[in-house]
Amino acid sequence: MTSELNLNWIDLCSLDQLPENLGSAALVGDQQIALFYIKQQEQVFALNNFDPFSEANVLSRGIVGSVGEELVVASPIYKEHFSLSTGQCLEDESVSISTYPTKITEGRLLIGLAN
């Protein structure tokens, strides 16, 4: 795990620019990242936007929900569920996607990328 000291924090946008409880995509460098602002928790989850099952950048278009206590996004193509906090696929434990740390500072969303 990368420590917070080894992260480059990038200011992406104002929190009020993100839709609540829905996904949106951001291009950070050459990487597409899916962002999910969960209003009830005042938290933004950031995952790789690439769905390894459909091989398309579509996870930001997925449906946010929960499976048991786990907050997930369901891929819009084949409906696999990915944990918002860990990126783990619930249907196939051998598959996971990258997640990125986020923080909200003075109403701005920052994402941490490894240096």
N, C-alpha and C. Protein backbone atom coordinates (compact mmCIF):
# COMPACT_ATOMS: atom_id res chain seq x y z
N MET A 1 0.85 -1.19 0.00
CA MET A 1 0.00 0.00 0.00
C MET A 1 0.88 1.24 0.00
N THR A 2 0.53 2.22 -0.79
CA THR A 2 1.29 3.46 -0.89
C THR A 2 0.91 4.37 0.27
N SER A 3 1.92 4.91 0.96
CA SER A 3 1.60 5.82 2.06
C SER A 3 1.21 7.17 1.48
N GLU A 4 0.47 7.92 2.27
CA GLU A 4 0.00 9.23 1.83
C GLU A 4 1.16 10.16 1.50
N LEU A 5 2.31 9.94 2.13
CA LEU A 5 3.48 10.77 1.85
C LEU A 5 4.03 10.56 0.45
N ASN A 6 3.77 9.38 -0.14
CA ASN A 6 4.28 9.07 -1.46
C ASN A 6 3.27 9.36 -2.56
N LEU A 7 2.23 10.11 -2.24
CA LEU A 7 1.20 10.41 -3.23
C LEU A 7 1.33 11.82 -3.76
N ASN A 8 0.99 11.96 -5.01
CA ASN A 8 0.87 13.26 -5.64
C ASN A 8 -0.63 13.58 -5.67
N TRP A 9 -1.06 14.58 -4.88
CA TRP A 9 -2.48 14.92 -4.79
C TRP A 9 -2.83 15.88 -5.91
N ILE A 10 -3.80 15.47 -6.73
CA ILE A 10 -4.22 16.26 -7.88
C ILE A 10 -5.61 16.80 -7.61
N ASP A 11 -5.77 18.10 -7.79
CA ASP A 11 -7.06 18.77 -7.63
C ASP A 11 -7.87 18.53 -8.90
N LEU A 12 -8.97 17.77 -8.76
CA LEU A 12 -9.77 17.43 -9.94
C LEU A 12 -10.90 18.40 -10.23
N CYS A 13 -11.68 18.72 -9.19
CA CYS A 13 -12.85 19.55 -9.43
C CYS A 13 -13.46 19.98 -8.10
N SER A 14 -14.44 20.84 -8.20
CA SER A 14 -15.23 21.23 -7.03
C SER A 14 -16.21 20.09 -6.74
N LEU A 15 -16.42 19.78 -5.47
CA LEU A 15 -17.32 18.71 -5.09
C LEU A 15 -18.73 18.94 -5.65
N ASP A 16 -19.16 20.18 -5.73
CA ASP A 16 -20.51 20.44 -6.23
C ASP A 16 -20.65 20.22 -7.74
N GLN A 17 -19.55 19.92 -8.42
CA GLN A 17 -19.62 19.58 -9.85
C GLN A 17 -19.92 18.10 -10.08
N LEU A 18 -19.85 17.30 -9.02
CA LEU A 18 -20.10 15.87 -9.15
C LEU A 18 -21.57 15.56 -8.87
N PRO A 19 -22.17 14.70 -9.68
CA PRO A 19 -23.55 14.29 -9.38
C PRO A 19 -23.57 13.42 -8.14
N GLU A 20 -24.59 13.56 -7.34
CA GLU A 20 -24.71 12.78 -6.11
C GLU A 20 -25.19 11.37 -6.41
N ASN A 21 -24.50 10.36 -5.84
CA ASN A 21 -24.89 8.96 -5.92
C ASN A 21 -24.92 8.41 -7.35
N LEU A 22 -24.14 9.04 -8.22
CA LEU A 22 -23.99 8.61 -9.61
C LEU A 22 -22.52 8.65 -9.95
N GLY A 23 -22.18 8.07 -11.08
CA GLY A 23 -20.80 8.08 -11.52
C GLY A 23 -20.52 9.19 -12.52
N SER A 24 -19.26 9.55 -12.59
CA SER A 24 -18.78 10.45 -13.63
C SER A 24 -17.34 10.04 -13.92
N ALA A 25 -16.85 10.41 -15.08
CA ALA A 25 -15.50 10.02 -15.48
C ALA A 25 -14.60 11.24 -15.54
N ALA A 26 -13.34 11.00 -15.18
CA ALA A 26 -12.33 12.06 -15.26
C ALA A 26 -11.11 11.49 -15.98
N LEU A 27 -10.50 12.30 -16.80
CA LEU A 27 -9.27 11.91 -17.46
C LEU A 27 -8.13 12.55 -16.68
N VAL A 28 -7.30 11.71 -16.07
CA VAL A 28 -6.16 12.18 -15.28
C VAL A 28 -4.91 11.68 -15.99
N GLY A 29 -4.21 12.60 -16.63
CA GLY A 29 -3.12 12.19 -17.51
C GLY A 29 -3.72 11.44 -18.67
N ASP A 30 -3.31 10.20 -18.85
CA ASP A 30 -3.89 9.38 -19.91
C ASP A 30 -4.78 8.26 -19.36
N GLN A 31 -5.19 8.41 -18.10
CA GLN A 31 -5.97 7.37 -17.43
C GLN A 31 -7.39 7.84 -17.14
N GLN A 32 -8.37 6.99 -17.49
CA GLN A 32 -9.76 7.28 -17.18
C GLN A 32 -10.09 6.75 -15.80
N ILE A 33 -10.66 7.61 -14.98
CA ILE A 33 -11.01 7.25 -13.61
C ILE A 33 -12.50 7.51 -13.40
N ALA A 34 -13.18 6.52 -12.82
CA ALA A 34 -14.60 6.64 -12.50
C ALA A 34 -14.71 7.20 -11.08
N LEU A 35 -15.52 8.24 -10.92
CA LEU A 35 -15.73 8.89 -9.63
C LEU A 35 -17.18 8.69 -9.19
N PHE A 36 -17.35 8.35 -7.91
CA PHE A 36 -18.69 8.14 -7.36
C PHE A 36 -18.80 8.93 -6.07
N TYR A 37 -19.64 9.99 -6.09
CA TYR A 37 -19.86 10.82 -4.92
C TYR A 37 -21.07 10.27 -4.17
N ILE A 38 -20.80 9.65 -3.03
CA ILE A 38 -21.86 9.08 -2.19
C ILE A 38 -22.23 10.12 -1.14
N LYS A 39 -23.28 10.83 -1.40
CA LYS A 39 -23.69 11.98 -0.60
C LYS A 39 -23.90 11.63 0.87
N GLN A 40 -24.56 10.49 1.16
CA GLN A 40 -24.87 10.12 2.54
C GLN A 40 -23.60 9.99 3.38
N GLN A 41 -22.49 9.60 2.75
CA GLN A 41 -21.24 9.43 3.47
C GLN A 41 -20.29 10.61 3.27
N GLU A 42 -20.69 11.57 2.44
CA GLU A 42 -19.82 12.70 2.10
C GLU A 42 -18.44 12.18 1.68
N GLN A 43 -18.45 11.17 0.80
CA GLN A 43 -17.21 10.54 0.35
C GLN A 43 -17.26 10.33 -1.16
N VAL A 44 -16.10 10.48 -1.79
CA VAL A 44 -15.97 10.20 -3.21
C VAL A 44 -15.06 8.98 -3.36
N PHE A 45 -15.53 8.00 -4.10
CA PHE A 45 -14.75 6.82 -4.40
C PHE A 45 -14.20 6.96 -5.82
N ALA A 46 -12.96 6.56 -6.02
CA ALA A 46 -12.33 6.64 -7.33
C ALA A 46 -11.79 5.27 -7.73
N LEU A 47 -12.21 4.82 -8.89
CA LEU A 47 -11.79 3.51 -9.41
C LEU A 47 -11.37 3.67 -10.86
N ASN A 48 -10.63 2.69 -11.34
CA ASN A 48 -10.33 2.66 -12.76
C ASN A 48 -11.66 2.54 -13.50
N ASN A 49 -11.82 3.28 -14.58
CA ASN A 49 -13.06 3.27 -15.34
C ASN A 49 -13.17 2.05 -16.26
N PHE A 50 -12.09 1.29 -16.42
CA PHE A 50 -12.03 0.16 -17.35
C PHE A 50 -12.67 -1.08 -16.75
N ASP A 51 -13.67 -1.60 -17.44
CA ASP A 51 -14.34 -2.83 -17.04
C ASP A 51 -13.59 -4.01 -17.69
N PRO A 52 -12.93 -4.84 -16.89
CA PRO A 52 -12.14 -5.92 -17.47
C PRO A 52 -12.96 -7.00 -18.17
N PHE A 53 -14.25 -7.09 -17.90
CA PHE A 53 -15.08 -8.10 -18.54
C PHE A 53 -15.52 -7.67 -19.94
N SER A 54 -15.93 -6.43 -20.11
CA SER A 54 -16.34 -5.94 -21.43
C SER A 54 -15.18 -5.29 -22.18
N GLU A 55 -14.08 -5.05 -21.47
CA GLU A 55 -12.89 -4.38 -22.04
C GLU A 55 -13.25 -3.01 -22.61
N ALA A 56 -14.07 -2.27 -21.84
CA ALA A 56 -14.48 -0.92 -22.24
C ALA A 56 -14.41 -0.01 -21.02
N ASN A 57 -14.20 1.27 -21.26
CA ASN A 57 -14.17 2.27 -20.20
C ASN A 57 -15.60 2.74 -19.91
N VAL A 58 -16.30 1.96 -19.07
CA VAL A 58 -17.73 2.21 -18.86
C VAL A 58 -18.18 2.21 -17.41
N LEU A 59 -17.30 1.92 -16.46
CA LEU A 59 -17.78 1.76 -15.07
C LEU A 59 -18.42 3.02 -14.52
N SER A 60 -18.00 4.20 -14.98
CA SER A 60 -18.61 5.44 -14.50
C SER A 60 -20.09 5.52 -14.88
N ARG A 61 -20.52 4.71 -15.84
CA ARG A 61 -21.93 4.67 -16.27
C ARG A 61 -22.73 3.59 -15.54
N GLY A 62 -22.07 2.89 -14.61
CA GLY A 62 -22.72 1.81 -13.89
C GLY A 62 -23.68 2.31 -12.83
N ILE A 63 -24.43 1.38 -12.29
CA ILE A 63 -25.42 1.69 -11.26
C ILE A 63 -24.80 1.48 -9.89
N VAL A 64 -24.92 2.50 -9.04
CA VAL A 64 -24.40 2.44 -7.68
C VAL A 64 -25.46 1.82 -6.78
N GLY A 65 -25.01 0.93 -5.90
CA GLY A 65 -25.94 0.30 -4.97
C GLY A 65 -25.15 -0.41 -3.89
N SER A 66 -25.76 -1.42 -3.32
CA SER A 66 -25.06 -2.20 -2.30
C SER A 66 -25.44 -3.66 -2.45
N VAL A 67 -24.48 -4.49 -2.08
CA VAL A 67 -24.70 -5.93 -1.96
C VAL A 67 -24.36 -6.25 -0.52
N GLY A 68 -25.38 -6.54 0.26
CA GLY A 68 -25.19 -6.65 1.70
C GLY A 68 -24.78 -5.28 2.23
N GLU A 69 -23.66 -5.23 2.93
CA GLU A 69 -23.15 -3.98 3.48
C GLU A 69 -22.14 -3.30 2.56
N GLU A 70 -21.82 -3.94 1.43
CA GLU A 70 -20.77 -3.45 0.53
C GLU A 70 -21.34 -2.49 -0.51
N LEU A 71 -20.81 -1.25 -0.55
CA LEU A 71 -21.17 -0.31 -1.61
C LEU A 71 -20.49 -0.76 -2.89
N VAL A 72 -21.27 -0.82 -3.98
CA VAL A 72 -20.75 -1.34 -5.24
C VAL A 72 -21.21 -0.49 -6.42
N VAL A 73 -20.53 -0.72 -7.55
CA VAL A 73 -21.02 -0.24 -8.83
C VAL A 73 -21.21 -1.48 -9.69
N ALA A 74 -22.34 -1.56 -10.36
CA ALA A 74 -22.62 -2.67 -11.28
C ALA A 74 -22.24 -2.22 -12.68
N SER A 75 -21.41 -2.99 -13.33
CA SER A 75 -21.00 -2.66 -14.70
C SER A 75 -22.24 -2.55 -15.59
N PRO A 76 -22.31 -1.53 -16.44
CA PRO A 76 -23.49 -1.37 -17.29
C PRO A 76 -23.58 -2.41 -18.41
N ILE A 77 -22.49 -3.15 -18.66
CA ILE A 77 -22.51 -4.12 -19.77
C ILE A 77 -22.95 -5.51 -19.28
N TYR A 78 -22.12 -6.15 -18.44
CA TYR A 78 -22.41 -7.52 -18.00
C TYR A 78 -22.89 -7.60 -16.56
N LYS A 79 -22.99 -6.49 -15.89
CA LYS A 79 -23.58 -6.38 -14.55
C LYS A 79 -22.74 -6.93 -13.40
N GLU A 80 -21.43 -7.18 -13.61
CA GLU A 80 -20.60 -7.57 -12.48
C GLU A 80 -20.55 -6.42 -11.49
N HIS A 81 -20.44 -6.76 -10.20
CA HIS A 81 -20.40 -5.76 -9.14
C HIS A 81 -18.96 -5.59 -8.65
N PHE A 82 -18.52 -4.33 -8.57
CA PHE A 82 -17.19 -4.00 -8.06
C PHE A 82 -17.34 -3.17 -6.79
N SER A 83 -16.61 -3.54 -5.75
CA SER A 83 -16.63 -2.79 -4.50
C SER A 83 -16.08 -1.39 -4.75
N LEU A 84 -16.79 -0.38 -4.27
CA LEU A 84 -16.30 1.00 -4.42
C LEU A 84 -15.05 1.24 -3.58
N SER A 85 -14.93 0.56 -2.47
CA SER A 85 -13.79 0.82 -1.58
C SER A 85 -12.54 0.02 -1.94
N THR A 86 -12.71 -1.20 -2.50
CA THR A 86 -11.54 -2.04 -2.77
C THR A 86 -11.31 -2.35 -4.24
N GLY A 87 -12.33 -2.20 -5.08
CA GLY A 87 -12.22 -2.55 -6.48
C GLY A 87 -12.42 -4.03 -6.76
N GLN A 88 -12.64 -4.83 -5.72
CA GLN A 88 -12.80 -6.27 -5.88
C GLN A 88 -14.12 -6.59 -6.57
N CYS A 89 -14.08 -7.51 -7.55
CA CYS A 89 -15.30 -7.99 -8.19
C CYS A 89 -15.96 -8.98 -7.26
N LEU A 90 -17.24 -8.82 -6.99
CA LEU A 90 -17.95 -9.72 -6.08
C LEU A 90 -18.27 -11.06 -6.72
N GLU A 91 -18.41 -11.10 -8.03
CA GLU A 91 -18.76 -12.35 -8.70
C GLU A 91 -17.54 -13.21 -9.04
N ASP A 92 -16.36 -12.59 -9.14
CA ASP A 92 -15.15 -13.33 -9.53
C ASP A 92 -13.99 -12.81 -8.69
N GLU A 93 -13.63 -13.55 -7.64
CA GLU A 93 -12.61 -13.08 -6.70
C GLU A 93 -11.22 -12.95 -7.33
N SER A 94 -11.02 -13.48 -8.52
CA SER A 94 -9.72 -13.34 -9.19
C SER A 94 -9.59 -12.02 -9.93
N VAL A 95 -10.67 -11.22 -9.96
CA VAL A 95 -10.67 -9.96 -10.71
C VAL A 95 -10.88 -8.78 -9.77
N SER A 96 -10.03 -7.79 -9.92
CA SER A 96 -10.23 -6.53 -9.20
C SER A 96 -9.70 -5.40 -10.08
N ILE A 97 -10.15 -4.20 -9.79
CA ILE A 97 -9.70 -3.02 -10.52
C ILE A 97 -9.03 -2.07 -9.54
N SER A 98 -8.23 -1.17 -10.06
CA SER A 98 -7.51 -0.22 -9.22
C SER A 98 -8.45 0.78 -8.58
N THR A 99 -8.14 1.13 -7.34
CA THR A 99 -8.84 2.20 -6.64
C THR A 99 -7.81 3.28 -6.29
N TYR A 100 -8.29 4.47 -6.04
CA TYR A 100 -7.41 5.60 -5.76
C TYR A 100 -7.92 6.34 -4.53
N PRO A 101 -7.01 6.77 -3.67
CA PRO A 101 -7.44 7.54 -2.50
C PRO A 101 -7.95 8.92 -2.92
N THR A 102 -8.95 9.39 -2.20
CA THR A 102 -9.49 10.72 -2.45
C THR A 102 -9.61 11.45 -1.12
N LYS A 103 -9.65 12.76 -1.22
CA LYS A 103 -9.97 13.57 -0.04
C LYS A 103 -10.65 14.84 -0.52
N ILE A 104 -11.47 15.36 0.36
CA ILE A 104 -12.18 16.61 0.07
C ILE A 104 -11.57 17.68 0.95
N THR A 105 -11.06 18.72 0.31
CA THR A 105 -10.42 19.82 1.02
C THR A 105 -11.00 21.14 0.52
N GLU A 106 -11.60 21.88 1.45
CA GLU A 106 -12.19 23.18 1.13
C GLU A 106 -13.13 23.10 -0.08
N GLY A 107 -13.96 22.02 -0.09
CA GLY A 107 -14.95 21.86 -1.15
C GLY A 107 -14.39 21.36 -2.47
N ARG A 108 -13.12 20.99 -2.50
CA ARG A 108 -12.47 20.50 -3.71
C ARG A 108 -12.17 19.01 -3.57
N LEU A 109 -12.31 18.27 -4.67
CA LEU A 109 -11.97 16.86 -4.69
C LEU A 109 -10.51 16.70 -5.13
N LEU A 110 -9.73 16.00 -4.32
CA LEU A 110 -8.35 15.68 -4.66
C LEU A 110 -8.23 14.18 -4.76
N ILE A 111 -7.43 13.72 -5.72
CA ILE A 111 -7.17 12.30 -5.88
C ILE A 111 -5.67 12.08 -5.74
N GLY A 112 -5.31 11.01 -5.05
CA GLY A 112 -3.91 10.71 -4.81
C GLY A 112 -3.38 9.67 -5.78
N LEU A 113 -2.34 10.04 -6.52
CA LEU A 113 -1.69 9.12 -7.44
C LEU A 113 -0.26 8.91 -6.98
N ALA A 114 0.22 7.69 -7.17
CA ALA A 114 1.58 7.36 -6.76
C ALA A 114 2.58 8.20 -7.55
N ASN A 115 3.62 8.67 -6.84
CA ASN A 115 4.68 9.45 -7.50
C ASN A 115 5.49 8.58 -8.42
